[in-house]
Amino acid sequence: MALLEIKKYTDKSLKGKASPIGKIDVNIQHLIDDMIETMHAARGIGLAANQVGVLKRLCVIDTSLNEDRKSLIILINPVLVEKEGTVEAEEGCLSIPGYMTTIKRSEKVFVKGSNREGKSLEIEGTGLLARVLQHEIDHLEGLLIIDRISPIKREFFKRRYKKAFKEINSTK
């Protein structure tokens, strides 16, 4: 297994729409393992394949927030099929380090997809799981949390982070 580079918000792969996965081969299995390791190393609770530069419909989620890893979900070709209610909460993203903003999401979602063995999955998510499912599926559609905020907040974000990323890149 290997740690993968998490792409930052200026990377073009984050704006691309991910392609469905056909055959779940050894390369996909290695990618899944690497994504899980990368997500945990970054102390994240979700990671979509395009966040590591791979435009495939794959995400890994672990909302356990501890070492038992009992809530690890591997989703291949996820589709949001139903949603209910709305709630606002703070959200962050591994591709936008240090940035938190309030995002309106559905309270409850139903997602279909496949697991790493290719078996069909149906997930009903509420609370944090509902939020993470929506966040990761957004990534697979080429959407970031900054695409879900008001134009005024987005402009403020761009000015603030453009300067921050210039400073980071100039020290390399």
Protein backbone atom coordinates (compact mmCIF):
# COMPACT_ATOMS: atom_id res chain seq x y z
CA MET A 1 0.00 0.00 0.00
CA ALA A 2 1.08 3.56 -0.62
CA LEU A 3 0.10 7.04 0.42
CA LEU A 4 -1.28 9.00 -2.49
CA GLU A 5 -1.05 12.75 -3.06
CA ILE A 6 -4.32 14.48 -2.21
CA LYS A 7 -4.98 17.03 -4.94
CA LYS A 8 -5.66 20.59 -3.85
CA TYR A 9 -8.63 22.65 -5.00
CA THR A 10 -6.78 24.21 -7.96
CA ASP A 11 -6.12 20.78 -9.54
CA LYS A 12 -8.15 20.11 -12.70
CA SER A 13 -8.92 16.50 -11.73
CA LEU A 14 -11.21 17.82 -8.98
CA LYS A 15 -13.43 19.53 -11.55
CA GLY A 16 -13.69 16.50 -13.84
CA LYS A 17 -16.64 14.13 -13.76
CA ALA A 18 -15.56 10.62 -12.77
CA SER A 19 -16.19 7.67 -15.13
CA PRO A 20 -17.97 4.49 -14.02
CA ILE A 21 -15.83 1.51 -13.10
CA GLY A 22 -16.47 -1.56 -15.23
CA LYS A 23 -14.31 -4.46 -14.13
CA ILE A 24 -13.05 -4.44 -10.55
CA ASP A 25 -9.54 -5.67 -11.25
CA VAL A 26 -6.32 -5.82 -9.24
CA ASN A 27 -5.53 -2.17 -10.10
CA ILE A 28 -8.85 -1.01 -8.63
CA GLN A 29 -8.23 -3.17 -5.53
CA HIS A 30 -4.79 -1.54 -5.06
CA LEU A 31 -6.34 1.90 -5.56
CA ILE A 32 -8.95 1.14 -2.89
CA ASP A 33 -6.26 0.05 -0.42
CA ASP A 34 -4.13 3.11 -1.17
CA MET A 35 -7.13 5.43 -0.81
CA ILE A 36 -8.05 3.94 2.57
CA GLU A 37 -4.47 4.36 3.80
CA THR A 38 -4.32 7.93 2.44
CA MET A 39 -7.67 8.91 4.00
CA HIS A 40 -6.68 7.58 7.42
CA ALA A 41 -3.20 9.15 7.27
CA ALA A 42 -4.80 12.52 6.46
CA ARG A 43 -7.28 12.04 9.33
CA GLY A 44 -10.16 12.29 6.89
CA ILE A 45 -13.56 10.60 6.98
CA GLY A 46 -14.03 10.36 3.22
CA LEU A 47 -11.99 10.37 0.03
CA ALA A 48 -13.08 10.27 -3.61
CA ALA A 49 -10.83 8.88 -6.34
CA ASN A 50 -10.56 12.19 -8.17
CA GLN A 51 -9.08 13.68 -4.99
CA VAL A 52 -6.05 11.51 -5.73
CA GLY A 53 -6.11 12.30 -9.45
CA VAL A 54 -8.08 9.25 -10.65
CA LEU A 55 -11.31 10.04 -12.51
CA LYS A 56 -13.15 6.85 -11.51
CA ARG A 57 -16.45 6.57 -9.59
CA LEU A 58 -14.97 5.30 -6.36
CA CYS A 59 -14.97 6.63 -2.82
CA VAL A 60 -13.99 5.38 0.61
CA ILE A 61 -15.69 6.53 3.82
CA ASP A 62 -14.93 5.92 7.48
CA THR A 63 -16.97 7.91 9.99
CA SER A 64 -15.79 5.86 12.99
CA LEU A 65 -13.26 8.54 14.01
CA ASN A 66 -11.25 5.90 15.86
CA GLU A 67 -9.10 2.84 15.33
CA ASP A 68 -11.76 0.12 15.08
CA ARG A 69 -12.56 0.87 11.40
CA LYS A 70 -15.94 -0.84 11.75
CA SER A 71 -17.73 1.79 9.69
CA LEU A 72 -15.43 1.60 6.65
CA ILE A 73 -17.46 1.85 3.43
CA ILE A 74 -16.06 1.27 -0.04
CA LEU A 75 -18.42 2.53 -2.72
CA ILE A 76 -17.95 1.80 -6.41
CA ASN A 77 -20.19 3.63 -8.89
CA PRO A 78 -22.31 5.29 -6.17
CA VAL A 79 -25.59 6.92 -7.15
CA LEU A 80 -27.70 9.12 -4.88
CA VAL A 81 -31.21 7.74 -5.45
CA GLU A 82 -33.27 9.53 -2.82
CA LYS A 83 -32.91 12.31 -0.28
CA GLU A 84 -35.06 13.78 2.48
CA GLY A 85 -35.05 16.96 4.55
CA THR A 86 -32.34 19.59 4.77
CA VAL A 87 -29.87 20.61 7.42
CA GLU A 88 -26.96 23.06 7.55
CA ALA A 89 -23.65 22.13 9.13
CA GLU A 90 -19.94 22.93 8.97
CA GLU A 91 -17.92 21.01 6.40
CA GLY A 92 -14.29 20.78 5.47
CA CYS A 93 -12.44 19.01 2.68
CA LEU A 94 -9.04 17.32 2.42
CA SER A 95 -8.56 19.11 -0.92
CA ILE A 96 -9.04 22.52 0.71
CA PRO A 97 -6.89 22.30 3.86
CA GLY A 98 -7.92 24.53 6.74
CA TYR A 99 -11.16 25.73 5.17
CA MET A 100 -14.51 25.15 6.88
CA THR A 101 -17.85 26.50 5.74
CA THR A 102 -21.55 25.94 6.36
CA ILE A 103 -23.18 23.77 3.69
CA LYS A 104 -26.84 22.87 3.29
CA ARG A 105 -27.29 19.12 2.68
CA SER A 106 -30.06 16.54 2.88
CA GLU A 107 -30.64 15.03 6.33
CA LYS A 108 -31.22 11.53 5.00
CA VAL A 109 -30.00 9.91 1.78
CA PHE A 110 -30.28 6.58 0.01
CA VAL A 111 -27.30 5.56 -2.09
CA LYS A 112 -26.81 2.56 -4.35
CA GLY A 113 -23.50 1.23 -5.59
CA SER A 114 -21.19 -1.76 -5.31
CA ASN A 115 -18.61 -2.91 -2.78
CA ARG A 116 -15.05 -3.94 -3.65
CA GLU A 117 -16.24 -7.48 -4.52
CA GLY A 118 -18.78 -6.07 -6.99
CA LYS A 119 -21.79 -6.92 -4.83
CA SER A 120 -24.68 -4.44 -4.83
CA LEU A 121 -24.95 -2.10 -1.86
CA GLU A 122 -27.83 0.03 -0.67
CA ILE A 123 -26.97 2.51 2.06
CA GLU A 124 -29.34 4.64 4.09
CA GLY A 125 -27.37 7.49 5.57
CA THR A 126 -28.39 9.97 8.24
CA GLY A 127 -26.41 12.53 10.20
CA LEU A 128 -22.68 12.54 9.51
CA LEU A 129 -22.87 9.57 7.13
CA ALA A 130 -25.50 11.34 4.98
CA ARG A 131 -23.28 14.43 4.81
CA VAL A 132 -20.14 12.47 3.88
CA LEU A 133 -21.96 10.41 1.23
CA GLN A 134 -23.21 13.62 -0.43
CA HIS A 135 -19.80 15.29 -0.14
CA GLU A 136 -17.96 12.37 -1.79
CA ILE A 137 -20.57 11.92 -4.53
CA ASP A 138 -20.24 15.67 -5.22
CA HIS A 139 -16.51 15.10 -5.78
CA LEU A 140 -17.29 12.35 -8.29
CA GLU A 141 -19.51 14.85 -10.14
CA GLY A 142 -16.70 17.43 -10.20
CA LEU A 143 -18.15 19.58 -7.40
CA LEU A 144 -16.32 21.00 -4.39
CA ILE A 145 -17.78 22.55 -1.25
CA ILE A 146 -16.93 25.97 -2.67
CA ASP A 147 -19.40 25.22 -5.48
CA ARG A 148 -22.12 24.97 -2.82
CA ILE A 149 -21.57 28.38 -1.20
CA SER A 150 -22.87 31.81 -2.18
CA PRO A 151 -21.08 33.76 -4.93
CA ILE A 152 -19.92 36.35 -2.39
CA LYS A 153 -18.40 33.69 -0.09
CA ARG A 154 -16.84 31.98 -3.12
CA GLU A 155 -15.16 35.21 -4.27
CA PHE A 156 -13.81 35.82 -0.75
CA PHE A 157 -12.53 32.22 -0.67
CA LYS A 158 -10.78 32.56 -4.06
CA ARG A 159 -8.98 35.75 -3.02
CA ARG A 160 -7.92 34.32 0.34
CA TYR A 161 -6.77 30.94 -0.97
CA LYS A 162 -5.14 32.23 -4.14
CA LYS A 163 -2.75 34.18 -1.94
CA ALA A 164 -2.23 31.22 0.43
CA PHE A 165 -1.48 28.79 -2.42
CA LYS A 166 0.94 31.27 -4.03
CA GLU A 167 2.84 31.49 -0.74
CA ILE A 168 2.94 27.70 -0.36
CA ASN A 169 4.10 27.15 -3.95
CA SER A 170 6.77 29.88 -3.75
CA THR A 171 8.45 28.10 -0.80
CA LYS A 172 8.88 24.83 -2.74
